Amino acid sequence: MGKDESENRFSTQRIETLIDGIFAIAMTLLVFNIKLPERAEIADGAALSASLAVLGPHFVAFGQSFLLLSFFELS
């Protein structure tokens, strides 16, 4: 194994690709924290608004976590 071959084996591009994949998986897993209400619970527009209001903090946490992960990804 020559010097050129060992440099290709441990190049930073491979590590960067691995980290990109890890961040992509972490960002995808954030969505699983948001649980939608049952369809039977939503009878009219007011019930839909109330259900979305209850989910509001989950959407905010999702947005903040997604932005935080994207900032780490870019740095």
PDB file of N, CA and C in Angstrom:
ATOM      1  N   MET A   1       0.841  -1.167   0.000  1.00  0.00           N
ATOM      2  CA  MET A   1       0.000   0.000   0.000  1.00  0.00           C
ATOM      3  C   MET A   1       0.891   1.237   0.000  1.00  0.00           C
ATOM      4  N   GLY A   2       0.773   2.034  -1.060  1.00  0.00           N
ATOM      5  CA  GLY A   2       1.591   3.226  -1.192  1.00  0.00           C
ATOM      6  C   GLY A   2       1.002   4.399  -0.443  1.00  0.00           C
ATOM      7  N   LYS A   3       1.757   5.482  -0.440  1.00  0.00           N
ATOM      8  CA  LYS A   3       1.327   6.676   0.263  1.00  0.00           C
ATOM      9  C   LYS A   3       0.063   7.270  -0.365  1.00  0.00           C
ATOM     10  N   ASP A   4      -0.036   7.280  -1.680  1.00  0.00           N
ATOM     11  CA  ASP A   4      -1.211   7.835  -2.358  1.00  0.00           C
ATOM     12  C   ASP A   4      -2.472   7.050  -2.026  1.00  0.00           C
ATOM     13  N   GLU A   5      -2.346   5.742  -1.949  1.00  0.00           N
ATOM     14  CA  GLU A   5      -3.506   4.896  -1.662  1.00  0.00           C
ATOM     15  C   GLU A   5      -4.016   5.123  -0.237  1.00  0.00           C
ATOM     16  N   SER A   6      -3.115   5.286   0.725  1.00  0.00           N
ATOM     17  CA  SER A   6      -3.552   5.503   2.106  1.00  0.00           C
ATOM     18  C   SER A   6      -4.166   6.884   2.269  1.00  0.00           C
ATOM     19  N   GLU A   7      -3.712   7.870   1.519  1.00  0.00           N
ATOM     20  CA  GLU A   7      -4.307   9.206   1.585  1.00  0.00           C
ATOM     21  C   GLU A   7      -5.735   9.182   1.046  1.00  0.00           C
ATOM     22  N   ASN A   8      -5.991   8.439  -0.020  1.00  0.00           N
ATOM     23  CA  ASN A   8      -7.339   8.334  -0.577  1.00  0.00           C
ATOM     24  C   ASN A   8      -8.267   7.611   0.390  1.00  0.00           C
ATOM     25  N   ARG A   9      -7.737   6.665   1.108  1.00  0.00           N
ATOM     26  CA  ARG A   9      -8.537   5.864   2.022  1.00  0.00           C
ATOM     27  C   ARG A   9      -9.069   6.691   3.185  1.00  0.00           C
ATOM     28  N   PHE A  10      -8.339   7.676   3.617  1.00  0.00           N
ATOM     29  CA  PHE A  10      -8.720   8.494   4.763  1.00  0.00           C
ATOM     30  C   PHE A  10      -8.934   9.955   4.367  1.00  0.00           C
ATOM     31  N   SER A  11      -9.457  10.179   3.194  1.00  0.00           N
ATOM     32  CA  SER A  11      -9.660  11.555   2.748  1.00  0.00           C
ATOM     33  C   SER A  11     -10.784  12.212   3.550  1.00  0.00           C
ATOM     34  N   THR A  12     -10.729  13.517   3.638  1.00  0.00           N
ATOM     35  CA  THR A  12     -11.745  14.245   4.394  1.00  0.00           C
ATOM     36  C   THR A  12     -13.089  14.225   3.677  1.00  0.00           C
ATOM     37  N   GLN A  13     -13.093  14.006   2.382  1.00  0.00           N
ATOM     38  CA  GLN A  13     -14.349  13.968   1.640  1.00  0.00           C
ATOM     39  C   GLN A  13     -15.219  12.806   2.110  1.00  0.00           C
ATOM     40  N   ARG A  14     -14.624  11.682   2.410  1.00  0.00           N
ATOM     41  CA  ARG A  14     -15.401  10.532   2.896  1.00  0.00           C
ATOM     42  C   ARG A  14     -16.008  10.822   4.262  1.00  0.00           C
ATOM     43  N   ILE A  15     -15.249  11.474   5.125  1.00  0.00           N
ATOM     44  CA  ILE A  15     -15.757  11.818   6.448  1.00  0.00           C
ATOM     45  C   ILE A  15     -16.864  12.858   6.341  1.00  0.00           C
ATOM     46  N   GLU A  16     -16.684  13.839   5.459  1.00  0.00           N
ATOM     47  CA  GLU A  16     -17.716  14.859   5.251  1.00  0.00           C
ATOM     48  C   GLU A  16     -19.001  14.238   4.729  1.00  0.00           C
ATOM     49  N   THR A  17     -18.893  13.276   3.849  1.00  0.00           N
ATOM     50  CA  THR A  17     -20.071  12.598   3.321  1.00  0.00           C
ATOM     51  C   THR A  17     -20.781  11.819   4.418  1.00  0.00           C
ATOM     52  N   LEU A  18     -20.025  11.144   5.261  1.00  0.00           N
ATOM     53  CA  LEU A  18     -20.608  10.413   6.384  1.00  0.00           C
ATOM     54  C   LEU A  18     -21.343  11.356   7.330  1.00  0.00           C
ATOM     55  N   ILE A  19     -20.735  12.480   7.651  1.00  0.00           N
ATOM     56  CA  ILE A  19     -21.357  13.452   8.547  1.00  0.00           C
ATOM     57  C   ILE A  19     -22.616  14.032   7.913  1.00  0.00           C
ATOM     58  N   ASP A  20     -22.588  14.311   6.606  1.00  0.00           N
ATOM     59  CA  ASP A  20     -23.783  14.795   5.912  1.00  0.00           C
ATOM     60  C   ASP A  20     -24.922  13.788   6.039  1.00  0.00           C
ATOM     61  N   GLY A  21     -24.617  12.514   5.897  1.00  0.00           N
ATOM     62  CA  GLY A  21     -25.630  11.475   6.037  1.00  0.00           C
ATOM     63  C   GLY A  21     -26.190  11.407   7.442  1.00  0.00           C
ATOM     64  N   ILE A  22     -25.327  11.545   8.432  1.00  0.00           N
ATOM     65  CA  ILE A  22     -25.774  11.507   9.826  1.00  0.00           C
ATOM     66  C   ILE A  22     -26.706  12.678  10.122  1.00  0.00           C
ATOM     67  N   PHE A  23     -26.353  13.875   9.649  1.00  0.00           N
ATOM     68  CA  PHE A  23     -27.214  15.034   9.856  1.00  0.00           C
ATOM     69  C   PHE A  23     -28.537  14.877   9.117  1.00  0.00           C
ATOM     70  N   ALA A  24     -28.515  14.310   7.929  1.00  0.00           N
ATOM     71  CA  ALA A  24     -29.755  14.103   7.171  1.00  0.00           C
ATOM     72  C   ALA A  24     -30.684  13.144   7.920  1.00  0.00           C
ATOM     73  N   ILE A  25     -30.131  12.102   8.486  1.00  0.00           N
ATOM     74  CA  ILE A  25     -30.948  11.157   9.255  1.00  0.00           C
ATOM     75  C   ILE A  25     -31.498  11.823  10.512  1.00  0.00           C
ATOM     76  N   ALA A  26     -30.669  12.607  11.196  1.00  0.00           N
ATOM     77  CA  ALA A  26     -31.124  13.291  12.413  1.00  0.00           C
ATOM     78  C   ALA A  26     -32.250  14.273  12.091  1.00  0.00           C
ATOM     79  N   MET A  27     -32.131  14.993  10.984  1.00  0.00           N
ATOM     80  CA  MET A  27     -33.181  15.932  10.594  1.00  0.00           C
ATOM     81  C   MET A  27     -34.472  15.210  10.226  1.00  0.00           C
ATOM     82  N   THR A  28     -34.347  14.057   9.631  1.00  0.00           N
ATOM     83  CA  THR A  28     -35.534  13.281   9.285  1.00  0.00           C
ATOM     84  C   THR A  28     -36.213  12.741  10.531  1.00  0.00           C
ATOM     85  N   LEU A  29     -35.445  12.300  11.499  1.00  0.00           N
ATOM     86  CA  LEU A  29     -36.018  11.752  12.727  1.00  0.00           C
ATOM     87  C   LEU A  29     -36.758  12.798  13.558  1.00  0.00           C
ATOM     88  N   LEU A  30     -36.466  14.071  13.345  1.00  0.00           N
ATOM     89  CA  LEU A  30     -37.164  15.122  14.079  1.00  0.00           C
ATOM     90  C   LEU A  30     -38.665  15.098  13.794  1.00  0.00           C
ATOM     91  N   VAL A  31     -39.051  14.702  12.612  1.00  0.00           N
ATOM     92  CA  VAL A  31     -40.455  14.705  12.221  1.00  0.00           C
ATOM     93  C   VAL A  31     -41.256  13.697  13.035  1.00  0.00           C
ATOM     94  N   PHE A  32     -40.640  12.624  13.467  1.00  0.00           N
ATOM     95  CA  PHE A  32     -41.363  11.587  14.202  1.00  0.00           C
ATOM     96  C   PHE A  32     -41.860  12.067  15.563  1.00  0.00           C
ATOM     97  N   ASN A  33     -41.362  13.195  16.046  1.00  0.00           N
ATOM     98  CA  ASN A  33     -41.798  13.743  17.321  1.00  0.00           C
ATOM     99  C   ASN A  33     -43.178  14.400  17.211  1.00  0.00           C
ATOM    100  N   ILE A  34     -43.607  14.728  16.006  1.00  0.00           N
ATOM    101  CA  ILE A  34     -44.889  15.395  15.797  1.00  0.00           C
ATOM    102  C   ILE A  34     -45.959  14.341  15.569  1.00  0.00           C
ATOM    103  N   LYS A  35     -46.877  14.233  16.512  1.00  0.00           N
ATOM    104  CA  LYS A  35     -47.979  13.270  16.426  1.00  0.00           C
ATOM    105  C   LYS A  35     -49.242  14.003  16.013  1.00  0.00           C
ATOM    106  N   LEU A  36     -49.833  13.608  14.914  1.00  0.00           N
ATOM    107  CA  LEU A  36     -51.058  14.235  14.445  1.00  0.00           C
ATOM    108  C   LEU A  36     -52.254  13.721  15.235  1.00  0.00           C
ATOM    109  N   PRO A  37     -53.265  14.578  15.431  1.00  0.00           N
ATOM    110  CA  PRO A  37     -54.459  14.126  16.159  1.00  0.00           C
ATOM    111  C   PRO A  37     -55.257  13.133  15.322  1.00  0.00           C
ATOM    112  N   GLU A  38     -56.059  12.342  16.006  1.00  0.00           N
ATOM    113  CA  GLU A  38     -56.918  11.380  15.319  1.00  0.00           C
ATOM    114  C   GLU A  38     -57.962  12.118  14.500  1.00  0.00           C
ATOM    115  N   ARG A  39     -58.339  11.523  13.411  1.00  0.00           N
ATOM    116  CA  ARG A  39     -59.309  12.161  12.529  1.00  0.00           C
ATOM    117  C   ARG A  39     -60.671  12.336  13.209  1.00  0.00           C
ATOM    118  N   ALA A  40     -61.050  11.430  14.087  1.00  0.00           N
ATOM    119  CA  ALA A  40     -62.337  11.514  14.780  1.00  0.00           C
ATOM    120  C   ALA A  40     -62.400  12.720  15.719  1.00  0.00           C
ATOM    121  N   GLU A  41     -61.231  13.189  16.191  1.00  0.00           N
ATOM    122  CA  GLU A  41     -61.195  14.325  17.107  1.00  0.00           C
ATOM    123  C   GLU A  41     -61.481  15.642  16.397  1.00  0.00           C
ATOM    124  N   ILE A  42     -61.310  15.692  15.091  1.00  0.00           N
ATOM    125  CA  ILE A  42     -61.471  16.928  14.333  1.00  0.00           C
ATOM    126  C   ILE A  42     -62.828  16.899  13.635  1.00  0.00           C
ATOM    127  N   ALA A  43     -63.796  17.557  14.248  1.00  0.00           N
ATOM    128  CA  ALA A  43     -65.156  17.554  13.699  1.00  0.00           C
ATOM    129  C   ALA A  43     -65.424  18.785  12.836  1.00  0.00           C
ATOM    130  N   ASP A  44     -64.805  19.927  13.193  1.00  0.00           N
ATOM    131  CA  ASP A  44     -65.049  21.151  12.442  1.00  0.00           C
ATOM    132  C   ASP A  44     -63.795  22.017  12.450  1.00  0.00           C
ATOM    133  N   GLY A  45     -63.943  23.219  11.916  1.00  0.00           N
ATOM    134  CA  GLY A  45     -62.796  24.126  11.822  1.00  0.00           C
ATOM    135  C   GLY A  45     -62.250  24.540  13.171  1.00  0.00           C
ATOM    136  N   ALA A  46     -63.121  24.710  14.147  1.00  0.00           N
ATOM    137  CA  ALA A  46     -62.672  25.107  15.485  1.00  0.00           C
ATOM    138  C   ALA A  46     -61.836  24.002  16.124  1.00  0.00           C
ATOM    139  N   ALA A  47     -62.264  22.750  15.934  1.00  0.00           N
ATOM    140  CA  ALA A  47     -61.504  21.628  16.492  1.00  0.00           C
ATOM    141  C   ALA A  47     -60.151  21.501  15.797  1.00  0.00           C
ATOM    142  N   LEU A  48     -60.120  21.775  14.494  1.00  0.00           N
ATOM    143  CA  LEU A  48     -58.848  21.752  13.766  1.00  0.00           C
ATOM    144  C   LEU A  48     -57.906  22.828  14.277  1.00  0.00           C
ATOM    145  N   SER A  49     -58.437  24.029  14.483  1.00  0.00           N
ATOM    146  CA  SER A  49     -57.619  25.124  15.017  1.00  0.00           C
ATOM    147  C   SER A  49     -57.078  24.788  16.402  1.00  0.00           C
ATOM    148  N   ALA A  50     -57.922  24.193  17.241  1.00  0.00           N
ATOM    149  CA  ALA A  50     -57.481  23.817  18.586  1.00  0.00           C
ATOM    150  C   ALA A  50     -56.397  22.743  18.525  1.00  0.00           C
ATOM    151  N   SER A  51     -56.568  21.785  17.621  1.00  0.00           N
ATOM    152  CA  SER A  51     -55.562  20.723  17.480  1.00  0.00           C
ATOM    153  C   SER A  51     -54.233  21.279  16.995  1.00  0.00           C
ATOM    154  N   LEU A  52     -54.281  22.210  16.042  1.00  0.00           N
ATOM    155  CA  LEU A  52     -53.047  22.824  15.551  1.00  0.00           C
ATOM    156  C   LEU A  52     -52.389  23.695  16.613  1.00  0.00           C
ATOM    157  N   ALA A  53     -53.202  24.344  17.446  1.00  0.00           N
ATOM    158  CA  ALA A  53     -52.653  25.157  18.535  1.00  0.00           C
ATOM    159  C   ALA A  53     -51.916  24.286  19.542  1.00  0.00           C
ATOM    160  N   VAL A  54     -52.453  23.093  19.795  1.00  0.00           N
ATOM    161  CA  VAL A  54     -51.783  22.166  20.715  1.00  0.00           C
ATOM    162  C   VAL A  54     -50.455  21.699  20.129  1.00  0.00           C
ATOM    163  N   LEU A  55     -50.414  21.527  18.803  1.00  0.00           N
ATOM    164  CA  LEU A  55     -49.181  21.089  18.142  1.00  0.00           C
ATOM    165  C   LEU A  55     -48.184  22.223  17.922  1.00  0.00           C
ATOM    166  N   GLY A  56     -48.586  23.443  18.180  1.00  0.00           N
ATOM    167  CA  GLY A  56     -47.723  24.605  17.952  1.00  0.00           C
ATOM    168  C   GLY A  56     -46.332  24.482  18.570  1.00  0.00           C
ATOM    169  N   PRO A  57     -46.243  24.160  19.856  1.00  0.00           N
ATOM    170  CA  PRO A  57     -44.911  24.025  20.459  1.00  0.00           C
ATOM    171  C   PRO A  57     -44.060  22.934  19.796  1.00  0.00           C
ATOM    172  N   HIS A  58     -44.687  21.873  19.305  1.00  0.00           N
ATOM    173  CA  HIS A  58     -43.936  20.820  18.612  1.00  0.00           C
ATOM    174  C   HIS A  58     -43.361  21.339  17.294  1.00  0.00           C
ATOM    175  N   PHE A  59     -44.157  22.155  16.581  1.00  0.00           N
ATOM    176  CA  PHE A  59     -43.674  22.739  15.332  1.00  0.00           C
ATOM    177  C   PHE A  59     -42.522  23.710  15.592  1.00  0.00           C
ATOM    178  N   VAL A  60     -42.621  24.487  16.663  1.00  0.00           N
ATOM    179  CA  VAL A  60     -41.552  25.427  17.013  1.00  0.00           C
ATOM    180  C   VAL A  60     -40.281  24.657  17.374  1.00  0.00           C
ATOM    181  N   ALA A  61     -40.411  23.613  18.177  1.00  0.00           N
ATOM    182  CA  ALA A  61     -39.245  22.804  18.552  1.00  0.00           C
ATOM    183  C   ALA A  61     -38.628  22.136  17.324  1.00  0.00           C
ATOM    184  N   PHE A  62     -39.481  21.666  16.411  1.00  0.00           N
ATOM    185  CA  PHE A  62     -38.975  21.067  15.177  1.00  0.00           C
ATOM    186  C   PHE A  62     -38.184  22.095  14.381  1.00  0.00           C
ATOM    187  N   GLY A  63     -38.740  23.288  14.223  1.00  0.00           N
ATOM    188  CA  GLY A  63     -38.054  24.339  13.462  1.00  0.00           C
ATOM    189  C   GLY A  63     -36.730  24.732  14.079  1.00  0.00           C
ATOM    190  N   GLN A  64     -36.711  24.900  15.402  1.00  0.00           N
ATOM    191  CA  GLN A  64     -35.472  25.264  16.086  1.00  0.00           C
ATOM    192  C   GLN A  64     -34.421  24.164  15.965  1.00  0.00           C
ATOM    193  N   SER A  65     -34.833  22.931  16.148  1.00  0.00           N
ATOM    194  CA  SER A  65     -33.888  21.814  16.044  1.00  0.00           C
ATOM    195  C   SER A  65     -33.358  21.678  14.625  1.00  0.00           C
ATOM    196  N   PHE A  66     -34.235  21.842  13.649  1.00  0.00           N
ATOM    197  CA  PHE A  66     -33.813  21.747  12.254  1.00  0.00           C
ATOM    198  C   PHE A  66     -32.805  22.848  11.930  1.00  0.00           C
ATOM    199  N   LEU A  67     -33.075  24.071  12.375  1.00  0.00           N
ATOM    200  CA  LEU A  67     -32.135  25.168  12.133  1.00  0.00           C
ATOM    201  C   LEU A  67     -30.805  24.939  12.840  1.00  0.00           C
ATOM    202  N   LEU A  68     -30.858  24.464  14.073  1.00  0.00           N
ATOM    203  CA  LEU A  68     -29.628  24.204  14.811  1.00  0.00           C
ATOM    204  C   LEU A  68     -28.782  23.146  14.104  1.00  0.00           C
ATOM    205  N   LEU A  69     -29.416  22.064  13.673  1.00  0.00           N
ATOM    206  CA  LEU A  69     -28.676  21.021  12.950  1.00  0.00           C
ATOM    207  C   LEU A  69     -28.127  21.551  11.628  1.00  0.00           C
ATOM    208  N   SER A  70     -28.884  22.398  10.950  1.00  0.00           N
ATOM    209  CA  SER A  70     -28.396  22.929   9.670  1.00  0.00           C
ATOM    210  C   SER A  70     -27.220  23.878   9.882  1.00  0.00           C
ATOM    211  N   PHE A  71     -27.216  24.631  10.997  1.00  0.00           N
ATOM    212  CA  PHE A  71     -26.065  25.474  11.289  1.00  0.00           C
ATOM    213  C   PHE A  71     -24.834  24.645  11.575  1.00  0.00           C
ATOM    214  N   PHE A  72     -24.996  23.539  12.306  1.00  0.00           N
ATOM    215  CA  PHE A  72     -23.858  22.654  12.566  1.00  0.00           C
ATOM    216  C   PHE A  72     -23.370  22.024  11.261  1.00  0.00           C
ATOM    217  N   GLU A  73     -24.303  21.715  10.373  1.00  0.00           N
ATOM    218  CA  GLU A  73     -23.949  21.119   9.094  1.00  0.00           C
ATOM    219  C   GLU A  73     -23.125  22.080   8.244  1.00  0.00           C
ATOM    220  N   LEU A  74     -23.474  23.354   8.281  1.00  0.00           N
ATOM    221  CA  LEU A  74     -22.793  24.339   7.447  1.00  0.00           C
ATOM    222  C   LEU A  74     -21.414  24.731   7.989  1.00  0.00           C
ATOM    223  N   SER A  75     -21.200  24.560   9.278  1.00  0.00           N
ATOM    224  CA  SER A  75     -19.905  24.976   9.829  1.00  0.00           C
ATOM    225  C   SER A  75     -18.856  23.905   9.718  1.00  0.00           C
TER     226      SER A  75
END
